[in-house]
C-alpha atoms as a PDB file:
ATOM      1  CA  UNK A   1       0.000   0.000   0.000  1.00  0.00           C
ATOM      2  CA  UNK A   2       1.215   3.500  -0.821  1.00  0.00           C
ATOM      3  CA  UNK A   3       2.522   5.539   2.089  1.00  0.00           C
ATOM      4  CA  UNK A   4       3.515   9.143   1.330  1.00  0.00           C
ATOM      5  CA  UNK A   5       7.064  10.247   2.017  1.00  0.00           C
ATOM      6  CA  UNK A   6       7.636  13.635   3.611  1.00  0.00           C
ATOM      7  CA  UNK A   7       9.617  16.481   2.089  1.00  0.00           C
ATOM      8  CA  UNK A   8      12.580  15.824   4.414  1.00  0.00           C
ATOM      9  CA  UNK A   9      13.159  12.475   2.695  1.00  0.00           C
ATOM     10  CA  UNK A  10      13.350  14.214  -0.681  1.00  0.00           C
ATOM     11  CA  UNK A  11      15.722  16.755   0.853  1.00  0.00           C
ATOM     12  CA  UNK A  12      17.927  13.932   2.119  1.00  0.00           C
ATOM     13  CA  UNK A  13      18.181  12.436  -1.376  1.00  0.00           C
ATOM     14  CA  UNK A  14      18.327  15.518  -3.593  1.00  0.00           C
ATOM     15  CA  UNK A  15      19.424  18.439  -1.467  1.00  0.00           C
ATOM     16  CA  UNK A  16      22.066  17.626   1.071  1.00  0.00           C
ATOM     17  CA  UNK A  17      25.066  16.730  -1.038  1.00  0.00           C
ATOM     18  CA  UNK A  18      26.412  17.669  -4.407  1.00  0.00           C
ATOM     19  CA  UNK A  19      25.730  14.240  -5.920  1.00  0.00           C
ATOM     20  CA  UNK A  20      21.992  14.438  -5.216  1.00  0.00           C
ATOM     21  CA  UNK A  21      21.895  18.006  -6.475  1.00  0.00           C
ATOM     22  CA  UNK A  22      23.675  16.976  -9.694  1.00  0.00           C
ATOM     23  CA  UNK A  23      21.215  14.132 -10.224  1.00  0.00           C
ATOM     24  CA  UNK A  24      18.284  16.522  -9.782  1.00  0.00           C
ATOM     25  CA  UNK A  25      19.886  19.002 -12.180  1.00  0.00           C
ATOM     26  CA  UNK A  26      20.339  16.206 -14.715  1.00  0.00           C
ATOM     27  CA  UNK A  27      16.731  15.038 -14.363  1.00  0.00           C
ATOM     28  CA  UNK A  28      15.553  18.629 -14.676  1.00  0.00           C
ATOM     29  CA  UNK A  29      17.575  19.192 -17.843  1.00  0.00           C
ATOM     30  CA  UNK A  30      16.441  15.925 -19.428  1.00  0.00           C
ATOM     31  CA  UNK A  31      12.766  15.872 -18.491  1.00  0.00           C
ATOM     32  CA  UNK A  32      11.610  19.239 -17.134  1.00  0.00           C
ATOM     33  CA  UNK A  33      13.302  22.072 -19.016  1.00  0.00           C
ATOM     34  CA  UNK A  34      12.217  20.779 -22.410  1.00  0.00           C
ATOM     35  CA  UNK A  35       9.223  21.443 -24.588  1.00  0.00           C
ATOM     36  CA  UNK A  36       6.698  18.692 -24.018  1.00  0.00           C
ATOM     37  CA  UNK A  37       4.475  19.498 -26.994  1.00  0.00           C
ATOM     38  CA  UNK A  38       4.918  17.290 -30.055  1.00  0.00           C
ATOM     39  CA  UNK A  39       3.119  18.577 -33.127  1.00  0.00           C
ATOM     40  CA  UNK A  40       0.577  16.104 -34.494  1.00  0.00           C
ATOM     41  CA  UNK A  41       1.381  13.453 -31.861  1.00  0.00           C
ATOM     42  CA  UNK A  42      -0.741  13.800 -28.718  1.00  0.00           C
ATOM     43  CA  UNK A  43       0.506  10.473 -27.372  1.00  0.00           C
ATOM     44  CA  UNK A  44       4.126  11.594 -27.411  1.00  0.00           C
ATOM     45  CA  UNK A  45       3.099  14.891 -25.826  1.00  0.00           C
ATOM     46  CA  UNK A  46       1.357  12.945 -23.041  1.00  0.00           C
ATOM     47  CA  UNK A  47       4.427  10.733 -22.625  1.00  0.00           C
ATOM     48  CA  UNK A  48       6.731  13.744 -22.265  1.00  0.00           C
ATOM     49  CA  UNK A  49       4.322  15.423 -19.832  1.00  0.00           C
ATOM     50  CA  UNK A  50       4.356  12.244 -17.748  1.00  0.00           C
ATOM     51  CA  UNK A  51       8.139  12.416 -17.482  1.00  0.00           C
ATOM     52  CA  UNK A  52       7.967  16.121 -16.687  1.00  0.00           C
ATOM     53  CA  UNK A  53       5.373  15.590 -13.964  1.00  0.00           C
ATOM     54  CA  UNK A  54       7.711  13.340 -11.974  1.00  0.00           C
ATOM     55  CA  UNK A  55      10.418  16.011 -11.827  1.00  0.00           C
ATOM     56  CA  UNK A  56       7.795  18.656 -11.036  1.00  0.00           C
ATOM     57  CA  UNK A  57       6.602  16.492  -8.118  1.00  0.00           C
ATOM     58  CA  UNK A  58      10.137  16.264  -6.689  1.00  0.00           C
ATOM     59  CA  UNK A  59      10.628  20.027  -7.059  1.00  0.00           C
ATOM     60  CA  UNK A  60       7.298  20.668  -5.319  1.00  0.00           C
ATOM     61  CA  UNK A  61       8.298  18.395  -2.435  1.00  0.00           C
ATOM     62  CA  UNK A  62      11.560  20.295  -2.024  1.00  0.00           C
ATOM     63  CA  UNK A  63       9.701  23.622  -2.160  1.00  0.00           C
ATOM     64  CA  UNK A  64       7.591  22.545   0.841  1.00  0.00           C
ATOM     65  CA  UNK A  65      10.619  22.802   3.104  1.00  0.00           C
ATOM     66  CA  UNK A  66      11.416  25.986   5.009  1.00  0.00           C
ATOM     67  CA  UNK A  67      14.218  28.043   3.421  1.00  0.00           C
ATOM     68  CA  UNK A  68      16.749  27.128   6.117  1.00  0.00           C
ATOM     69  CA  UNK A  69      16.175  23.378   5.530  1.00  0.00           C
ATOM     70  CA  UNK A  70      16.845  23.803   1.802  1.00  0.00           C
ATOM     71  CA  UNK A  71      20.218  25.399   2.515  1.00  0.00           C
ATOM     72  CA  UNK A  72      21.545  22.551   4.683  1.00  0.00           C
END
């Protein structure tokens, strides 16, 4: 059964060391900072939006933390 993970867990993976930050930057560059619209192919557009939504979810989790927690 699904049990939500709090924002601190995402911070531990993606925000506390340079390796996690580099991985998040890589995921962002590959799947978030790209155009998701594919002309004349709604299925590919939906596929790209699905990839983008995962990175957006991680970024939203990290944004839930107070500013001082994000700087640790």
